[in-house]
Amino acid sequence: MTFDDVLERMPHKGAMRLIERIISVDDTVIHCLGVAHGEVDYPLRLNGILYAANLVELGAQAAAAHASIGDLKGNHTGLLIGLQNVNLLTSTVIDCSDNLHITARQLHFDGNGALYDFEISSQEQRYIEGRATLKMQGEAE
């Protein structure tokens, strides 16, 4: 299975798949590159503004992709059921034309859910970090 295959079987489709590609992955960490976020119609923008708090979705998508690679077989659905220790390092993403980098580190996985720390950054600027709890369920292919 390729990294592209992993992204294709995620439930996020079209504009809501916010990960452009997976850069690297190991047993516990995934590093992804987000899709271009500069357009006014980027799905996480509100009235043209990209608030750092909205970037939790990127962390959750990266975590789900990582779980898909190592722990879930086939297509799956996922649900972000909790956030902890979220630290907004800035309120908005401004003056940033580069794609966002997403890192998620798996802390726990038991087949029903997973716990990940995540961080979103670009151009050496960190925007948000936190912990996401995911509920995931595989589907028959």
N, C-alpha and C. Protein backbone atom coordinates (compact mmCIF):
# COMPACT_ATOMS: atom_id res chain seq x y z
N MET A 1 0.84 -1.18 0.00
CA MET A 1 0.00 0.00 0.00
C MET A 1 0.89 1.24 0.00
N THR A 2 0.59 2.19 -0.88
CA THR A 2 1.35 3.43 -0.94
C THR A 2 0.72 4.48 -0.04
N PHE A 3 1.45 5.55 0.21
CA PHE A 3 0.90 6.66 0.99
C PHE A 3 -0.32 7.24 0.31
N ASP A 4 -0.31 7.30 -1.03
CA ASP A 4 -1.48 7.81 -1.76
C ASP A 4 -2.69 6.91 -1.52
N ASP A 5 -2.47 5.60 -1.46
CA ASP A 5 -3.56 4.66 -1.17
C ASP A 5 -4.17 4.95 0.20
N VAL A 6 -3.32 5.23 1.18
CA VAL A 6 -3.79 5.53 2.53
C VAL A 6 -4.69 6.75 2.51
N LEU A 7 -4.27 7.81 1.83
CA LEU A 7 -5.08 9.03 1.77
C LEU A 7 -6.38 8.80 1.00
N GLU A 8 -6.34 7.97 -0.03
CA GLU A 8 -7.55 7.71 -0.81
C GLU A 8 -8.60 6.95 -0.03
N ARG A 9 -8.20 6.11 0.91
CA ARG A 9 -9.20 5.34 1.65
C ARG A 9 -9.69 6.04 2.91
N MET A 10 -9.19 7.23 3.17
CA MET A 10 -9.71 8.00 4.29
C MET A 10 -11.10 8.53 3.95
N PRO A 11 -11.91 8.78 4.96
CA PRO A 11 -13.27 9.25 4.68
C PRO A 11 -13.33 10.69 4.17
N HIS A 12 -12.28 11.46 4.33
CA HIS A 12 -12.27 12.85 3.87
C HIS A 12 -12.06 12.88 2.37
N LYS A 13 -12.99 13.48 1.66
CA LYS A 13 -12.94 13.53 0.20
C LYS A 13 -13.04 14.97 -0.28
N GLY A 14 -12.60 15.19 -1.50
CA GLY A 14 -12.71 16.51 -2.10
C GLY A 14 -11.95 17.56 -1.31
N ALA A 15 -12.54 18.73 -1.19
CA ALA A 15 -11.89 19.85 -0.51
C ALA A 15 -11.62 19.59 0.97
N MET A 16 -12.36 18.64 1.57
CA MET A 16 -12.16 18.39 3.00
C MET A 16 -11.00 17.43 3.28
N ARG A 17 -10.39 16.85 2.26
CA ARG A 17 -9.14 16.12 2.50
C ARG A 17 -8.04 17.16 2.50
N LEU A 18 -7.57 17.51 3.66
CA LEU A 18 -6.66 18.64 3.83
C LEU A 18 -5.20 18.24 3.81
N ILE A 19 -4.92 16.96 3.63
CA ILE A 19 -3.54 16.49 3.53
C ILE A 19 -3.22 16.25 2.06
N GLU A 20 -2.18 16.94 1.59
CA GLU A 20 -1.75 16.77 0.20
C GLU A 20 -0.96 15.49 0.04
N ARG A 21 -0.03 15.26 0.99
CA ARG A 21 0.78 14.04 0.90
C ARG A 21 1.39 13.70 2.25
N ILE A 22 1.74 12.45 2.37
CA ILE A 22 2.46 11.96 3.54
C ILE A 22 3.93 12.01 3.21
N ILE A 23 4.70 12.69 4.03
CA ILE A 23 6.14 12.84 3.79
C ILE A 23 6.91 11.67 4.37
N SER A 24 6.61 11.31 5.61
CA SER A 24 7.31 10.19 6.25
C SER A 24 6.42 9.59 7.33
N VAL A 25 6.70 8.34 7.64
CA VAL A 25 5.94 7.64 8.67
C VAL A 25 6.82 6.55 9.28
N ASP A 26 6.67 6.34 10.58
CA ASP A 26 7.27 5.19 11.24
C ASP A 26 6.23 4.60 12.18
N ASP A 27 6.63 3.77 13.11
CA ASP A 27 5.67 3.08 13.97
C ASP A 27 4.82 4.04 14.81
N THR A 28 5.36 5.19 15.15
CA THR A 28 4.62 6.09 16.04
C THR A 28 4.41 7.49 15.50
N VAL A 29 5.10 7.90 14.45
CA VAL A 29 5.04 9.29 13.99
C VAL A 29 4.74 9.36 12.50
N ILE A 30 3.88 10.32 12.15
CA ILE A 30 3.61 10.63 10.74
C ILE A 30 3.86 12.12 10.53
N HIS A 31 4.46 12.43 9.39
CA HIS A 31 4.69 13.83 9.01
C HIS A 31 4.03 14.02 7.65
N CYS A 32 3.11 14.97 7.58
CA CYS A 32 2.33 15.22 6.36
C CYS A 32 2.48 16.67 5.93
N LEU A 33 2.15 16.90 4.67
CA LEU A 33 2.10 18.24 4.11
C LEU A 33 0.65 18.54 3.77
N GLY A 34 0.16 19.65 4.27
CA GLY A 34 -1.23 20.04 4.01
C GLY A 34 -1.40 20.60 2.61
N VAL A 35 -2.63 20.60 2.14
CA VAL A 35 -2.94 21.21 0.85
C VAL A 35 -2.75 22.72 0.97
N ALA A 36 -2.65 23.38 -0.17
CA ALA A 36 -2.49 24.84 -0.17
C ALA A 36 -3.65 25.48 0.59
N HIS A 37 -3.35 26.42 1.45
CA HIS A 37 -4.37 27.02 2.31
C HIS A 37 -4.58 28.51 2.06
N GLY A 38 -3.96 29.03 1.02
CA GLY A 38 -4.01 30.47 0.79
C GLY A 38 -5.28 30.99 0.16
N GLU A 39 -6.05 30.13 -0.45
CA GLU A 39 -7.27 30.59 -1.13
C GLU A 39 -8.37 30.93 -0.11
N VAL A 40 -9.18 31.89 -0.45
CA VAL A 40 -10.26 32.33 0.43
C VAL A 40 -11.26 31.20 0.70
N ASP A 41 -11.41 30.28 -0.27
CA ASP A 41 -12.38 29.19 -0.10
C ASP A 41 -11.78 27.94 0.56
N TYR A 42 -10.58 28.04 1.11
CA TYR A 42 -10.01 26.92 1.87
C TYR A 42 -11.02 26.56 2.97
N PRO A 43 -11.38 25.27 3.10
CA PRO A 43 -12.50 24.88 3.97
C PRO A 43 -12.39 25.30 5.44
N LEU A 44 -11.19 25.53 5.94
CA LEU A 44 -11.06 25.90 7.35
C LEU A 44 -11.08 27.40 7.58
N ARG A 45 -11.16 28.17 6.52
CA ARG A 45 -11.21 29.63 6.66
C ARG A 45 -12.63 30.06 7.03
N LEU A 46 -12.71 31.07 7.86
CA LEU A 46 -13.99 31.66 8.25
C LEU A 46 -13.93 33.13 7.86
N ASN A 47 -14.78 33.51 6.92
CA ASN A 47 -14.77 34.89 6.39
C ASN A 47 -13.37 35.27 5.91
N GLY A 48 -12.69 34.30 5.27
CA GLY A 48 -11.37 34.55 4.70
C GLY A 48 -10.22 34.43 5.68
N ILE A 49 -10.49 34.23 6.95
CA ILE A 49 -9.43 34.17 7.97
C ILE A 49 -9.20 32.71 8.37
N LEU A 50 -7.94 32.32 8.43
CA LEU A 50 -7.59 30.98 8.89
C LEU A 50 -7.16 31.07 10.35
N TYR A 51 -8.08 30.68 11.22
CA TYR A 51 -7.80 30.69 12.66
C TYR A 51 -7.00 29.45 13.02
N ALA A 52 -5.99 29.62 13.85
CA ALA A 52 -5.14 28.50 14.26
C ALA A 52 -5.95 27.40 14.93
N ALA A 53 -6.99 27.75 15.65
CA ALA A 53 -7.81 26.74 16.34
C ALA A 53 -8.43 25.75 15.35
N ASN A 54 -8.73 26.21 14.14
CA ASN A 54 -9.34 25.33 13.15
C ASN A 54 -8.37 24.26 12.63
N LEU A 55 -7.09 24.44 12.90
CA LEU A 55 -6.08 23.50 12.40
C LEU A 55 -6.10 22.16 13.13
N VAL A 56 -6.91 22.05 14.19
CA VAL A 56 -7.02 20.75 14.86
C VAL A 56 -7.48 19.68 13.85
N GLU A 57 -8.25 20.08 12.85
CA GLU A 57 -8.71 19.13 11.83
C GLU A 57 -7.53 18.51 11.10
N LEU A 58 -6.49 19.28 10.84
CA LEU A 58 -5.30 18.74 10.19
C LEU A 58 -4.62 17.70 11.08
N GLY A 59 -4.53 18.00 12.36
CA GLY A 59 -3.94 17.03 13.29
C GLY A 59 -4.73 15.75 13.34
N ALA A 60 -6.05 15.85 13.35
CA ALA A 60 -6.91 14.67 13.39
C ALA A 60 -6.78 13.86 12.10
N GLN A 61 -6.70 14.53 10.95
CA GLN A 61 -6.56 13.79 9.69
C GLN A 61 -5.21 13.07 9.62
N ALA A 62 -4.15 13.72 10.08
CA ALA A 62 -2.84 13.06 10.09
C ALA A 62 -2.85 11.86 11.03
N ALA A 63 -3.46 12.01 12.18
CA ALA A 63 -3.56 10.89 13.13
C ALA A 63 -4.33 9.73 12.52
N ALA A 64 -5.44 10.03 11.86
CA ALA A 64 -6.24 8.97 11.23
C ALA A 64 -5.46 8.29 10.11
N ALA A 65 -4.68 9.05 9.36
CA ALA A 65 -3.86 8.46 8.31
C ALA A 65 -2.83 7.51 8.91
N HIS A 66 -2.21 7.92 10.01
CA HIS A 66 -1.22 7.06 10.67
C HIS A 66 -1.86 5.77 11.17
N ALA A 67 -3.00 5.88 11.81
CA ALA A 67 -3.70 4.70 12.31
C ALA A 67 -4.06 3.78 11.15
N SER A 68 -4.40 4.35 10.02
CA SER A 68 -4.77 3.57 8.84
C SER A 68 -3.58 2.76 8.32
N ILE A 69 -2.42 3.34 8.36
CA ILE A 69 -1.23 2.67 7.84
C ILE A 69 -0.88 1.44 8.67
N GLY A 70 -0.88 1.60 9.99
CA GLY A 70 -0.39 0.52 10.82
C GLY A 70 -1.41 -0.33 11.50
N ASP A 71 -2.58 0.19 11.74
CA ASP A 71 -3.49 -0.50 12.65
C ASP A 71 -4.86 -0.84 12.11
N LEU A 72 -5.31 -0.16 11.09
CA LEU A 72 -6.64 -0.43 10.54
C LEU A 72 -6.49 -1.05 9.16
N LYS A 73 -7.30 -2.00 8.88
CA LYS A 73 -7.28 -2.64 7.57
C LYS A 73 -8.48 -2.16 6.77
N GLY A 74 -8.27 -1.84 5.50
CA GLY A 74 -9.38 -1.44 4.65
C GLY A 74 -9.84 -0.02 4.90
N ASN A 75 -10.97 0.32 4.30
CA ASN A 75 -11.55 1.65 4.48
C ASN A 75 -11.99 1.81 5.92
N HIS A 76 -12.11 3.03 6.35
CA HIS A 76 -12.50 3.26 7.74
C HIS A 76 -13.19 4.61 7.87
N THR A 77 -13.90 4.74 8.95
CA THR A 77 -14.47 6.03 9.31
C THR A 77 -13.82 6.47 10.61
N GLY A 78 -13.77 7.74 10.81
CA GLY A 78 -13.14 8.25 12.02
C GLY A 78 -13.93 9.41 12.59
N LEU A 79 -13.79 9.58 13.87
CA LEU A 79 -14.48 10.66 14.56
C LEU A 79 -13.56 11.23 15.62
N LEU A 80 -13.35 12.53 15.56
CA LEU A 80 -12.60 13.22 16.60
C LEU A 80 -13.52 13.35 17.81
N ILE A 81 -13.18 12.67 18.90
CA ILE A 81 -14.08 12.68 20.06
C ILE A 81 -13.54 13.49 21.23
N GLY A 82 -12.30 13.94 21.14
CA GLY A 82 -11.80 14.75 22.24
C GLY A 82 -10.50 15.45 21.90
N LEU A 83 -10.32 16.60 22.53
CA LEU A 83 -9.08 17.37 22.42
C LEU A 83 -8.61 17.70 23.82
N GLN A 84 -7.30 17.63 24.02
CA GLN A 84 -6.70 17.99 25.31
C GLN A 84 -5.43 18.79 25.05
N ASN A 85 -5.05 19.54 26.05
CA ASN A 85 -3.76 20.24 26.04
C ASN A 85 -3.54 21.03 24.75
N VAL A 86 -4.60 21.61 24.20
CA VAL A 86 -4.47 22.40 22.98
C VAL A 86 -3.83 23.74 23.33
N ASN A 87 -2.76 24.04 22.64
CA ASN A 87 -2.01 25.26 22.88
C ASN A 87 -1.96 26.04 21.56
N LEU A 88 -2.67 27.16 21.52
CA LEU A 88 -2.63 28.04 20.35
C LEU A 88 -1.41 28.94 20.48
N LEU A 89 -0.48 28.80 19.56
CA LEU A 89 0.75 29.58 19.63
C LEU A 89 0.62 30.91 18.89
N THR A 90 -0.47 31.06 18.17
CA THR A 90 -0.86 32.30 17.51
C THR A 90 -2.36 32.18 17.27
N SER A 91 -3.03 33.28 17.04
CA SER A 91 -4.48 33.19 16.85
C SER A 91 -4.87 32.92 15.40
N THR A 92 -4.09 33.42 14.45
CA THR A 92 -4.41 33.24 13.03
C THR A 92 -3.15 32.88 12.25
N VAL A 93 -3.36 32.34 11.08
CA VAL A 93 -2.27 32.02 10.17
C VAL A 93 -2.23 33.14 9.15
N ILE A 94 -1.21 33.98 9.25
CA ILE A 94 -1.05 35.10 8.33
C ILE A 94 0.38 35.11 7.80
N ASP A 95 0.58 35.78 6.69
CA ASP A 95 1.91 35.89 6.09
C ASP A 95 2.57 34.53 5.92
N CYS A 96 1.80 33.55 5.49
CA CYS A 96 2.32 32.21 5.30
C CYS A 96 1.81 31.68 3.97
N SER A 97 2.70 31.60 2.99
CA SER A 97 2.29 31.09 1.69
C SER A 97 2.67 29.62 1.51
N ASP A 98 3.53 29.10 2.38
CA ASP A 98 3.93 27.69 2.29
C ASP A 98 2.83 26.78 2.83
N ASN A 99 2.84 25.55 2.36
CA ASN A 99 1.90 24.56 2.88
C ASN A 99 2.22 24.28 4.34
N LEU A 100 1.21 23.89 5.08
CA LEU A 100 1.39 23.58 6.49
C LEU A 100 1.96 22.18 6.66
N HIS A 101 2.82 22.04 7.67
CA HIS A 101 3.40 20.74 8.02
C HIS A 101 2.65 20.22 9.24
N ILE A 102 2.27 18.96 9.16
CA ILE A 102 1.50 18.34 10.24
C ILE A 102 2.29 17.15 10.75
N THR A 103 2.51 17.10 12.05
CA THR A 103 3.16 15.96 12.69
C THR A 103 2.21 15.42 13.74
N ALA A 104 2.02 14.11 13.71
CA ALA A 104 1.19 13.45 14.72
C ALA A 104 1.98 12.27 15.28
N ARG A 105 1.98 12.15 16.61
CA ARG A 105 2.71 11.08 17.30
C ARG A 105 1.71 10.22 18.07
N GLN A 106 1.69 8.94 17.75
CA GLN A 106 0.76 8.01 18.41
C GLN A 106 1.23 7.71 19.83
N LEU A 107 0.31 7.92 20.78
CA LEU A 107 0.57 7.62 22.18
C LEU A 107 -0.10 6.32 22.61
N HIS A 108 -1.23 6.01 21.94
CA HIS A 108 -2.00 4.81 22.30
C HIS A 108 -2.88 4.41 21.13
N PHE A 109 -3.04 3.10 20.93
CA PHE A 109 -3.99 2.58 19.96
C PHE A 109 -4.48 1.24 20.47
N ASP A 110 -5.80 1.05 20.51
CA ASP A 110 -6.31 -0.24 20.99
C ASP A 110 -7.35 -0.86 20.06
N GLY A 111 -7.43 -0.42 18.83
CA GLY A 111 -8.37 -1.00 17.88
C GLY A 111 -9.70 -0.27 17.82
N ASN A 112 -10.12 0.32 18.92
CA ASN A 112 -11.36 1.10 18.94
C ASN A 112 -11.10 2.59 18.84
N GLY A 113 -9.92 2.98 19.24
CA GLY A 113 -9.60 4.40 19.23
C GLY A 113 -8.11 4.60 19.38
N ALA A 114 -7.72 5.84 19.30
CA ALA A 114 -6.31 6.17 19.37
C ALA A 114 -6.11 7.53 20.03
N LEU A 115 -4.93 7.72 20.58
CA LEU A 115 -4.55 8.98 21.20
C LEU A 115 -3.27 9.45 20.54
N TYR A 116 -3.29 10.71 20.06
CA TYR A 116 -2.16 11.29 19.34
C TYR A 116 -1.86 12.69 19.85
N ASP A 117 -0.58 13.01 19.93
CA ASP A 117 -0.15 14.40 20.05
C ASP A 117 0.04 14.91 18.63
N PHE A 118 -0.26 16.19 18.39
CA PHE A 118 -0.09 16.75 17.05
C PHE A 118 0.49 18.16 17.14
N GLU A 119 1.09 18.57 16.02
CA GLU A 119 1.64 19.93 15.90
C GLU A 119 1.50 20.36 14.45
N ILE A 120 1.10 21.62 14.25
CA ILE A 120 0.97 22.19 12.91
C ILE A 120 1.91 23.39 12.83
N SER A 121 2.72 23.43 11.76
CA SER A 121 3.69 24.51 11.62
C SER A 121 3.94 24.80 10.14
N SER A 122 4.64 25.90 9.89
CA SER A 122 5.09 26.26 8.56
C SER A 122 6.11 27.38 8.69
N GLN A 123 7.07 27.37 7.79
CA GLN A 123 8.10 28.41 7.79
C GLN A 123 8.67 28.65 9.19
N GLU A 124 8.94 27.58 9.88
CA GLU A 124 9.51 27.61 11.24
C GLU A 124 8.61 28.31 12.26
N GLN A 125 7.34 28.48 11.93
CA GLN A 125 6.36 29.05 12.85
C GLN A 125 5.41 27.94 13.27
N ARG A 126 5.32 27.67 14.56
CA ARG A 126 4.35 26.71 15.06
C ARG A 126 3.06 27.46 15.34
N TYR A 127 1.93 26.85 14.94
CA TYR A 127 0.63 27.49 15.09
C TYR A 127 -0.21 26.88 16.21
N ILE A 128 -0.17 25.57 16.32
CA ILE A 128 -1.00 24.89 17.31
C ILE A 128 -0.37 23.54 17.63
N GLU A 129 -0.57 23.12 18.86
CA GLU A 129 -0.18 21.78 19.28
C GLU A 129 -1.24 21.28 20.25
N GLY A 130 -1.36 19.99 20.34
CA GLY A 130 -2.36 19.45 21.25
C GLY A 130 -2.42 17.94 21.18
N ARG A 131 -3.47 17.42 21.76
CA ARG A 131 -3.70 15.98 21.82
C ARG A 131 -5.11 15.69 21.32
N ALA A 132 -5.21 14.70 20.46
CA ALA A 132 -6.50 14.31 19.87
C ALA A 132 -6.83 12.87 20.22
N THR A 133 -8.08 12.65 20.61
CA THR A 133 -8.59 11.31 20.82
C THR A 133 -9.52 10.98 19.67
N LEU A 134 -9.26 9.87 19.01
CA LEU A 134 -10.04 9.45 17.85
C LEU A 134 -10.76 8.15 18.13
N LYS A 135 -11.96 8.06 17.63
CA LYS A 135 -12.72 6.82 17.60
C LYS A 135 -12.74 6.39 16.15
N MET A 136 -12.24 5.18 15.87
CA MET A 136 -12.14 4.73 14.49
C MET A 136 -12.77 3.35 14.35
N GLN A 137 -13.35 3.14 13.19
CA GLN A 137 -13.96 1.86 12.92
C GLN A 137 -13.68 1.49 11.47
N GLY A 138 -13.14 0.30 11.25
CA GLY A 138 -12.89 -0.18 9.91
C GLY A 138 -14.20 -0.57 9.23
N GLU A 139 -14.17 -0.52 7.90
CA GLU A 139 -15.32 -0.93 7.09
C GLU A 139 -14.85 -2.00 6.12
N ALA A 140 -15.74 -2.84 5.68
CA ALA A 140 -15.40 -3.83 4.66
C ALA A 140 -15.09 -3.09 3.36
N GLU A 141 -14.06 -3.55 2.67
CA GLU A 141 -13.71 -2.91 1.38
C GLU A 141 -14.61 -3.37 0.28
